[in-house]
Amino acid sequence: MSEDQVTVDILNATAQTRLKTIIERVERLEEEKAEVMAHIKDVFAEAKGEGFDVKVLRKVIRMRKQDKAKRQEEEALIDLYLSAIGGL
């Protein structure tokens, strides 16, 4: 009996079915994720075509996801670091 066969024999039929279901769900979600990423890319291309700075848009989106206090703390640290190196 091969090592692969021994491994399969360890999993009962229910576990094998469940494993296959989980893997198929993840594969479907990965496909959906790729589609969503393509849509996001299209929206950024549209924004760029209308003259918006995509790099800044991405930063704004990232900042909106942050807690306000966390964002303010990060901005204060950036200001502090820039001041420390004479960047302001």
PDB file of N, CA and C in Angstrom:
ATOM      1  N   MET A   1       0.844  -1.173   0.000  1.00  0.00           N
ATOM      2  CA  MET A   1       0.000   0.000   0.000  1.00  0.00           C
ATOM      3  C   MET A   1       0.894   1.242   0.000  1.00  0.00           C
ATOM      4  N   SER A   2       0.596   2.211  -0.889  1.00  0.00           N
ATOM      5  CA  SER A   2       1.423   3.407  -0.999  1.00  0.00           C
ATOM      6  C   SER A   2       1.142   4.367   0.158  1.00  0.00           C
ATOM      7  N   GLU A   3       2.076   5.295   0.340  1.00  0.00           N
ATOM      8  CA  GLU A   3       1.925   6.297   1.421  1.00  0.00           C
ATOM      9  C   GLU A   3       0.687   7.155   1.184  1.00  0.00           C
ATOM     10  N   ASP A   4       0.421   7.513  -0.079  1.00  0.00           N
ATOM     11  CA  ASP A   4      -0.767   8.309  -0.394  1.00  0.00           C
ATOM     12  C   ASP A   4      -2.039   7.558  -0.021  1.00  0.00           C
ATOM     13  N   GLN A   5      -2.078   6.271  -0.293  1.00  0.00           N
ATOM     14  CA  GLN A   5      -3.256   5.464   0.023  1.00  0.00           C
ATOM     15  C   GLN A   5      -3.464   5.385   1.531  1.00  0.00           C
ATOM     16  N   VAL A   6      -2.378   5.260   2.282  1.00  0.00           N
ATOM     17  CA  VAL A   6      -2.482   5.209   3.738  1.00  0.00           C
ATOM     18  C   VAL A   6      -3.061   6.522   4.257  1.00  0.00           C
ATOM     19  N   THR A   7      -2.602   7.656   3.706  1.00  0.00           N
ATOM     20  CA  THR A   7      -3.089   8.963   4.120  1.00  0.00           C
ATOM     21  C   THR A   7      -4.577   9.099   3.829  1.00  0.00           C
ATOM     22  N   VAL A   8      -5.018   8.686   2.653  1.00  0.00           N
ATOM     23  CA  VAL A   8      -6.429   8.765   2.285  1.00  0.00           C
ATOM     24  C   VAL A   8      -7.256   7.859   3.181  1.00  0.00           C
ATOM     25  N   ASP A   9      -6.745   6.692   3.506  1.00  0.00           N
ATOM     26  CA  ASP A   9      -7.472   5.764   4.362  1.00  0.00           C
ATOM     27  C   ASP A   9      -7.690   6.330   5.763  1.00  0.00           C
ATOM     28  N   ILE A  10      -6.792   7.205   6.213  1.00  0.00           N
ATOM     29  CA  ILE A  10      -6.915   7.787   7.542  1.00  0.00           C
ATOM     30  C   ILE A  10      -8.135   8.702   7.610  1.00  0.00           C
ATOM     31  N   LEU A  11      -8.414   9.414   6.529  1.00  0.00           N
ATOM     32  CA  LEU A  11      -9.576  10.293   6.498  1.00  0.00           C
ATOM     33  C   LEU A  11     -10.812   9.480   6.144  1.00  0.00           C
ATOM     34  N   ASN A  12     -11.842   9.585   6.968  1.00  0.00           N
ATOM     35  CA  ASN A  12     -13.066   8.861   6.627  1.00  0.00           C
ATOM     36  C   ASN A  12     -13.790   9.599   5.505  1.00  0.00           C
ATOM     37  N   ALA A  13     -14.817   8.987   4.979  1.00  0.00           N
ATOM     38  CA  ALA A  13     -15.526   9.547   3.827  1.00  0.00           C
ATOM     39  C   ALA A  13     -16.100  10.923   4.134  1.00  0.00           C
ATOM     40  N   THR A  14     -16.616  11.119   5.339  1.00  0.00           N
ATOM     41  CA  THR A  14     -17.183  12.416   5.717  1.00  0.00           C
ATOM     42  C   THR A  14     -16.106  13.488   5.723  1.00  0.00           C
ATOM     43  N   ALA A  15     -14.948  13.183   6.289  1.00  0.00           N
ATOM     44  CA  ALA A  15     -13.848  14.144   6.338  1.00  0.00           C
ATOM     45  C   ALA A  15     -13.348  14.454   4.931  1.00  0.00           C
ATOM     46  N   GLN A  16     -13.275  13.461   4.083  1.00  0.00           N
ATOM     47  CA  GLN A  16     -12.831  13.679   2.711  1.00  0.00           C
ATOM     48  C   GLN A  16     -13.792  14.610   1.965  1.00  0.00           C
ATOM     49  N   THR A  17     -15.095  14.372   2.154  1.00  0.00           N
ATOM     50  CA  THR A  17     -16.106  15.199   1.510  1.00  0.00           C
ATOM     51  C   THR A  17     -16.020  16.632   2.028  1.00  0.00           C
ATOM     52  N   ARG A  18     -15.880  16.770   3.337  1.00  0.00           N
ATOM     53  CA  ARG A  18     -15.789  18.106   3.942  1.00  0.00           C
ATOM     54  C   ARG A  18     -14.550  18.846   3.432  1.00  0.00           C
ATOM     55  N   LEU A  19     -13.425  18.150   3.368  1.00  0.00           N
ATOM     56  CA  LEU A  19     -12.185  18.739   2.872  1.00  0.00           C
ATOM     57  C   LEU A  19     -12.356  19.231   1.440  1.00  0.00           C
ATOM     58  N   LYS A  20     -12.960  18.418   0.603  1.00  0.00           N
ATOM     59  CA  LYS A  20     -13.184  18.794  -0.792  1.00  0.00           C
ATOM     60  C   LYS A  20     -14.086  20.017  -0.883  1.00  0.00           C
ATOM     61  N   THR A  21     -15.128  20.068  -0.054  1.00  0.00           N
ATOM     62  CA  THR A  21     -16.050  21.206  -0.037  1.00  0.00           C
ATOM     63  C   THR A  21     -15.325  22.487   0.359  1.00  0.00           C
ATOM     64  N   ILE A  22     -14.495  22.415   1.369  1.00  0.00           N
ATOM     65  CA  ILE A  22     -13.741  23.580   1.834  1.00  0.00           C
ATOM     66  C   ILE A  22     -12.815  24.086   0.733  1.00  0.00           C
ATOM     67  N   ILE A  23     -12.104  23.178   0.115  1.00  0.00           N
ATOM     68  CA  ILE A  23     -11.167  23.558  -0.945  1.00  0.00           C
ATOM     69  C   ILE A  23     -11.907  24.203  -2.111  1.00  0.00           C
ATOM     70  N   GLU A  24     -13.031  23.644  -2.502  1.00  0.00           N
ATOM     71  CA  GLU A  24     -13.804  24.205  -3.610  1.00  0.00           C
ATOM     72  C   GLU A  24     -14.345  25.584  -3.264  1.00  0.00           C
ATOM     73  N   ARG A  25     -14.771  25.791  -2.016  1.00  0.00           N
ATOM     74  CA  ARG A  25     -15.245  27.115  -1.589  1.00  0.00           C
ATOM     75  C   ARG A  25     -14.125  28.142  -1.680  1.00  0.00           C
ATOM     76  N   VAL A  26     -12.943  27.775  -1.203  1.00  0.00           N
ATOM     77  CA  VAL A  26     -11.803  28.697  -1.256  1.00  0.00           C
ATOM     78  C   VAL A  26     -11.462  29.011  -2.709  1.00  0.00           C
ATOM     79  N   GLU A  27     -11.483  28.014  -3.564  1.00  0.00           N
ATOM     80  CA  GLU A  27     -11.187  28.246  -4.981  1.00  0.00           C
ATOM     81  C   GLU A  27     -12.199  29.210  -5.610  1.00  0.00           C
ATOM     82  N   ARG A  28     -13.493  29.049  -5.279  1.00  0.00           N
ATOM     83  CA  ARG A  28     -14.516  29.967  -5.801  1.00  0.00           C
ATOM     84  C   ARG A  28     -14.287  31.381  -5.292  1.00  0.00           C
ATOM     85  N   LEU A  29     -13.966  31.498  -4.004  1.00  0.00           N
ATOM     86  CA  LEU A  29     -13.708  32.819  -3.428  1.00  0.00           C
ATOM     87  C   LEU A  29     -12.490  33.476  -4.058  1.00  0.00           C
ATOM     88  N   GLU A  30     -11.458  32.680  -4.365  1.00  0.00           N
ATOM     89  CA  GLU A  30     -10.273  33.219  -5.042  1.00  0.00           C
ATOM     90  C   GLU A  30     -10.640  33.763  -6.422  1.00  0.00           C
ATOM     91  N   GLU A  31     -11.528  33.064  -7.132  1.00  0.00           N
ATOM     92  CA  GLU A  31     -11.987  33.537  -8.439  1.00  0.00           C
ATOM     93  C   GLU A  31     -12.754  34.849  -8.293  1.00  0.00           C
ATOM     94  N   GLU A  32     -13.649  34.910  -7.293  1.00  0.00           N
ATOM     95  CA  GLU A  32     -14.410  36.131  -7.048  1.00  0.00           C
ATOM     96  C   GLU A  32     -13.485  37.280  -6.667  1.00  0.00           C
ATOM     97  N   LYS A  33     -12.475  36.977  -5.874  1.00  0.00           N
ATOM     98  CA  LYS A  33     -11.502  37.989  -5.452  1.00  0.00           C
ATOM     99  C   LYS A  33     -10.785  38.564  -6.682  1.00  0.00           C
ATOM    100  N   ALA A  34     -10.407  37.713  -7.607  1.00  0.00           N
ATOM    101  CA  ALA A  34      -9.730  38.166  -8.824  1.00  0.00           C
ATOM    102  C   ALA A  34     -10.654  39.075  -9.638  1.00  0.00           C
ATOM    103  N   GLU A  35     -11.937  38.719  -9.700  1.00  0.00           N
ATOM    104  CA  GLU A  35     -12.895  39.551 -10.423  1.00  0.00           C
ATOM    105  C   GLU A  35     -13.050  40.915  -9.752  1.00  0.00           C
ATOM    106  N   VAL A  36     -13.155  40.924  -8.432  1.00  0.00           N
ATOM    107  CA  VAL A  36     -13.295  42.185  -7.694  1.00  0.00           C
ATOM    108  C   VAL A  36     -12.053  43.048  -7.893  1.00  0.00           C
ATOM    109  N   MET A  37     -10.879  42.440  -7.839  1.00  0.00           N
ATOM    110  CA  MET A  37      -9.637  43.186  -8.036  1.00  0.00           C
ATOM    111  C   MET A  37      -9.594  43.809  -9.437  1.00  0.00           C
ATOM    112  N   ALA A  38     -10.103  43.096 -10.413  1.00  0.00           N
ATOM    113  CA  ALA A  38     -10.154  43.635 -11.774  1.00  0.00           C
ATOM    114  C   ALA A  38     -11.093  44.832 -11.840  1.00  0.00           C
ATOM    115  N   HIS A  39     -12.224  44.752 -11.134  1.00  0.00           N
ATOM    116  CA  HIS A  39     -13.162  45.881 -11.098  1.00  0.00           C
ATOM    117  C   HIS A  39     -12.532  47.097 -10.415  1.00  0.00           C
ATOM    118  N   ILE A  40     -11.824  46.864  -9.327  1.00  0.00           N
ATOM    119  CA  ILE A  40     -11.155  47.951  -8.612  1.00  0.00           C
ATOM    120  C   ILE A  40     -10.120  48.610  -9.520  1.00  0.00           C
ATOM    121  N   LYS A  41      -9.380  47.797 -10.243  1.00  0.00           N
ATOM    122  CA  LYS A  41      -8.382  48.324 -11.182  1.00  0.00           C
ATOM    123  C   LYS A  41      -9.053  49.210 -12.234  1.00  0.00           C
ATOM    124  N   ASP A  42     -10.212  48.771 -12.713  1.00  0.00           N
ATOM    125  CA  ASP A  42     -10.957  49.553 -13.707  1.00  0.00           C
ATOM    126  C   ASP A  42     -11.405  50.900 -13.134  1.00  0.00           C
ATOM    127  N   VAL A  43     -11.852  50.889 -11.867  1.00  0.00           N
ATOM    128  CA  VAL A  43     -12.307  52.134 -11.235  1.00  0.00           C
ATOM    129  C   VAL A  43     -11.141  53.106 -11.075  1.00  0.00           C
ATOM    130  N   PHE A  44      -9.977  52.589 -10.673  1.00  0.00           N
ATOM    131  CA  PHE A  44      -8.812  53.459 -10.554  1.00  0.00           C
ATOM    132  C   PHE A  44      -8.383  53.997 -11.916  1.00  0.00           C
ATOM    133  N   ALA A  45      -8.482  53.186 -12.949  1.00  0.00           N
ATOM    134  CA  ALA A  45      -8.153  53.647 -14.303  1.00  0.00           C
ATOM    135  C   ALA A  45      -9.118  54.747 -14.734  1.00  0.00           C
ATOM    136  N   GLU A  46     -10.380  54.582 -14.389  1.00  0.00           N
ATOM    137  CA  GLU A  46     -11.386  55.599 -14.697  1.00  0.00           C
ATOM    138  C   GLU A  46     -11.064  56.902 -13.955  1.00  0.00           C
ATOM    139  N   ALA A  47     -10.712  56.782 -12.677  1.00  0.00           N
ATOM    140  CA  ALA A  47     -10.364  57.966 -11.879  1.00  0.00           C
ATOM    141  C   ALA A  47      -9.150  58.673 -12.471  1.00  0.00           C
ATOM    142  N   LYS A  48      -8.158  57.889 -12.865  1.00  0.00           N
ATOM    143  CA  LYS A  48      -6.945  58.471 -13.475  1.00  0.00           C
ATOM    144  C   LYS A  48      -7.302  59.191 -14.768  1.00  0.00           C
ATOM    145  N   GLY A  49      -8.182  58.597 -15.547  1.00  0.00           N
ATOM    146  CA  GLY A  49      -8.616  59.212 -16.796  1.00  0.00           C
ATOM    147  C   GLY A  49      -9.338  60.533 -16.583  1.00  0.00           C
ATOM    148  N   GLU A  50      -9.920  60.697 -15.397  1.00  0.00           N
ATOM    149  CA  GLU A  50     -10.615  61.939 -15.067  1.00  0.00           C
ATOM    150  C   GLU A  50      -9.700  62.929 -14.356  1.00  0.00           C
ATOM    151  N   GLY A  51      -8.406  62.582 -14.255  1.00  0.00           N
ATOM    152  CA  GLY A  51      -7.434  63.513 -13.708  1.00  0.00           C
ATOM    153  C   GLY A  51      -7.130  63.359 -12.226  1.00  0.00           C
ATOM    154  N   PHE A  52      -7.681  62.341 -11.587  1.00  0.00           N
ATOM    155  CA  PHE A  52      -7.396  62.126 -10.169  1.00  0.00           C
ATOM    156  C   PHE A  52      -6.080  61.387  -9.997  1.00  0.00           C
ATOM    157  N   ASP A  53      -5.388  61.688  -8.906  1.00  0.00           N
ATOM    158  CA  ASP A  53      -4.119  61.033  -8.578  1.00  0.00           C
ATOM    159  C   ASP A  53      -4.434  59.716  -7.867  1.00  0.00           C
ATOM    160  N   VAL A  54      -4.175  58.613  -8.533  1.00  0.00           N
ATOM    161  CA  VAL A  54      -4.533  57.291  -8.011  1.00  0.00           C
ATOM    162  C   VAL A  54      -3.766  56.968  -6.728  1.00  0.00           C
ATOM    163  N   LYS A  55      -2.527  57.379  -6.673  1.00  0.00           N
ATOM    164  CA  LYS A  55      -1.725  57.124  -5.474  1.00  0.00           C
ATOM    165  C   LYS A  55      -2.360  57.798  -4.255  1.00  0.00           C
ATOM    166  N   VAL A  56      -2.819  59.020  -4.442  1.00  0.00           N
ATOM    167  CA  VAL A  56      -3.466  59.747  -3.348  1.00  0.00           C
ATOM    168  C   VAL A  56      -4.819  59.117  -3.023  1.00  0.00           C
ATOM    169  N   LEU A  57      -5.556  58.696  -4.033  1.00  0.00           N
ATOM    170  CA  LEU A  57      -6.837  58.028  -3.786  1.00  0.00           C
ATOM    171  C   LEU A  57      -6.641  56.775  -2.934  1.00  0.00           C
ATOM    172  N   ARG A  58      -5.615  55.998  -3.251  1.00  0.00           N
ATOM    173  CA  ARG A  58      -5.346  54.787  -2.469  1.00  0.00           C
ATOM    174  C   ARG A  58      -5.028  55.131  -1.018  1.00  0.00           C
ATOM    175  N   LYS A  59      -4.284  56.208  -0.835  1.00  0.00           N
ATOM    176  CA  LYS A  59      -3.937  56.632   0.521  1.00  0.00           C
ATOM    177  C   LYS A  59      -5.186  57.082   1.284  1.00  0.00           C
ATOM    178  N   VAL A  60      -6.055  57.835   0.616  1.00  0.00           N
ATOM    179  CA  VAL A  60      -7.292  58.290   1.250  1.00  0.00           C
ATOM    180  C   VAL A  60      -8.148  57.088   1.664  1.00  0.00           C
ATOM    181  N   ILE A  61      -8.248  56.117   0.798  1.00  0.00           N
ATOM    182  CA  ILE A  61      -9.035  54.915   1.102  1.00  0.00           C
ATOM    183  C   ILE A  61      -8.441  54.181   2.296  1.00  0.00           C
ATOM    184  N   ARG A  62      -7.106  54.058   2.306  1.00  0.00           N
ATOM    185  CA  ARG A  62      -6.436  53.391   3.429  1.00  0.00           C
ATOM    186  C   ARG A  62      -6.673  54.158   4.723  1.00  0.00           C
ATOM    187  N   MET A  63      -6.585  55.490   4.654  1.00  0.00           N
ATOM    188  CA  MET A  63      -6.779  56.313   5.841  1.00  0.00           C
ATOM    189  C   MET A  63      -8.208  56.230   6.363  1.00  0.00           C
ATOM    190  N   ARG A  64      -9.180  56.156   5.465  1.00  0.00           N
ATOM    191  CA  ARG A  64     -10.580  56.062   5.890  1.00  0.00           C
ATOM    192  C   ARG A  64     -10.873  54.757   6.623  1.00  0.00           C
ATOM    193  N   LYS A  65     -10.085  53.735   6.357  1.00  0.00           N
ATOM    194  CA  LYS A  65     -10.262  52.455   7.038  1.00  0.00           C
ATOM    195  C   LYS A  65      -9.733  52.493   8.469  1.00  0.00           C
ATOM    196  N   GLN A  66      -8.820  53.432   8.727  1.00  0.00           N
ATOM    197  CA  GLN A  66      -8.201  53.509  10.046  1.00  0.00           C
ATOM    198  C   GLN A  66      -9.115  54.214  11.040  1.00  0.00           C
ATOM    199  N   ASP A  67      -8.938  53.863  12.301  1.00  0.00           N
ATOM    200  CA  ASP A  67      -9.584  54.559  13.391  1.00  0.00           C
ATOM    201  C   ASP A  67      -9.027  55.989  13.416  1.00  0.00           C
ATOM    202  N   LYS A  68      -9.871  56.975  13.727  1.00  0.00           N
ATOM    203  CA  LYS A  68      -9.439  58.370  13.686  1.00  0.00           C
ATOM    204  C   LYS A  68      -8.252  58.617  14.610  1.00  0.00           C
ATOM    205  N   ALA A  69      -8.298  58.078  15.816  1.00  0.00           N
ATOM    206  CA  ALA A  69      -7.200  58.278  16.770  1.00  0.00           C
ATOM    207  C   ALA A  69      -5.913  57.648  16.247  1.00  0.00           C
ATOM    208  N   LYS A  70      -6.021  56.470  15.666  1.00  0.00           N
ATOM    209  CA  LYS A  70      -4.852  55.786  15.108  1.00  0.00           C
ATOM    210  C   LYS A  70      -4.262  56.606  13.962  1.00  0.00           C
ATOM    211  N   ARG A  71      -5.129  57.149  13.120  1.00  0.00           N
ATOM    212  CA  ARG A  71      -4.680  57.962  11.988  1.00  0.00           C
ATOM    213  C   ARG A  71      -3.976  59.226  12.484  1.00  0.00           C
ATOM    214  N   GLN A  72      -4.544  59.865  13.501  1.00  0.00           N
ATOM    215  CA  GLN A  72      -3.935  61.075  14.043  1.00  0.00           C
ATOM    216  C   GLN A  72      -2.578  60.775  14.673  1.00  0.00           C
ATOM    217  N   GLU A  73      -2.486  59.635  15.345  1.00  0.00           N
ATOM    218  CA  GLU A  73      -1.209  59.225  15.936  1.00  0.00           C
ATOM    219  C   GLU A  73      -0.161  59.019  14.852  1.00  0.00           C
ATOM    220  N   GLU A  74      -0.549  58.352  13.769  1.00  0.00           N
ATOM    221  CA  GLU A  74       0.382  58.112  12.659  1.00  0.00           C
ATOM    222  C   GLU A  74       0.824  59.429  12.033  1.00  0.00           C
ATOM    223  N   GLU A  75      -0.121  60.339  11.813  1.00  0.00           N
ATOM    224  CA  GLU A  75       0.224  61.637  11.226  1.00  0.00           C
ATOM    225  C   GLU A  75       1.170  62.418  12.134  1.00  0.00           C
ATOM    226  N   ALA A  76       0.942  62.356  13.452  1.00  0.00           N
ATOM    227  CA  ALA A  76       1.813  63.054  14.402  1.00  0.00           C
ATOM    228  C   ALA A  76       3.228  62.477  14.357  1.00  0.00           C
ATOM    229  N   LEU A  77       3.334  61.155  14.251  1.00  0.00           N
ATOM    230  CA  LEU A  77       4.648  60.521  14.154  1.00  0.00           C
ATOM    231  C   LEU A  77       5.360  60.905  12.859  1.00  0.00           C
ATOM    232  N   ILE A  78       4.613  60.958  11.785  1.00  0.00           N
ATOM    233  CA  ILE A  78       5.208  61.369  10.503  1.00  0.00           C
ATOM    234  C   ILE A  78       5.750  62.787  10.619  1.00  0.00           C
ATOM    235  N   ASP A  79       4.949  63.693  11.198  1.00  0.00           N
ATOM    236  CA  ASP A  79       5.402  65.072  11.387  1.00  0.00           C
ATOM    237  C   ASP A  79       6.650  65.128  12.272  1.00  0.00           C
ATOM    238  N   LEU A  80       6.646  64.338  13.347  1.00  0.00           N
ATOM    239  CA  LEU A  80       7.774  64.311  14.264  1.00  0.00           C
ATOM    240  C   LEU A  80       9.047  63.833  13.536  1.00  0.00           C
ATOM    241  N   TYR A  81       8.915  62.745  12.792  1.00  0.00           N
ATOM    242  CA  TYR A  81      10.070  62.193  12.084  1.00  0.00           C
ATOM    243  C   TYR A  81      10.594  63.180  11.034  1.00  0.00           C
ATOM    244  N   LEU A  82       9.670  63.807  10.296  1.00  0.00           N
ATOM    245  CA  LEU A  82      10.103  64.773   9.287  1.00  0.00           C
ATOM    246  C   LEU A  82      10.809  65.965   9.940  1.00  0.00           C
ATOM    247  N   SER A  83      10.289  66.418  11.066  1.00  0.00           N
ATOM    248  CA  SER A  83      10.936  67.523  11.788  1.00  0.00           C
ATOM    249  C   SER A  83      12.319  67.113  12.272  1.00  0.00           C
ATOM    250  N   ALA A  84      12.424  65.886  12.724  1.00  0.00           N
ATOM    251  CA  ALA A  84      13.706  65.394  13.260  1.00  0.00           C
ATOM    252  C   ALA A  84      14.794  65.356  12.186  1.00  0.00           C
ATOM    253  N   ILE A  85      14.409  65.121  10.953  1.00  0.00           N
ATOM    254  CA  ILE A  85      15.419  65.066   9.889  1.00  0.00           C
ATOM    255  C   ILE A  85      15.469  66.352   9.081  1.00  0.00           C
ATOM    256  N   GLY A  86      14.751  67.380   9.573  1.00  0.00           N
ATOM    257  CA  GLY A  86      14.779  68.667   8.895  1.00  0.00           C
ATOM    258  C   GLY A  86      13.966  68.688   7.622  1.00  0.00           C
ATOM    259  N   GLY A  87      12.982  67.807   7.527  1.00  0.00           N
ATOM    260  CA  GLY A  87      12.181  67.701   6.309  1.00  0.00           C
ATOM    261  C   GLY A  87      11.024  68.661   6.244  1.00  0.00           C
ATOM    262  N   LEU A  88      10.752  69.397   7.322  1.00  0.00           N
ATOM    263  CA  LEU A  88       9.631  70.353   7.291  1.00  0.00           C
ATOM    264  C   LEU A  88      10.103  71.769   7.322  1.00  0.00           C
TER     265      LEU A  88
END
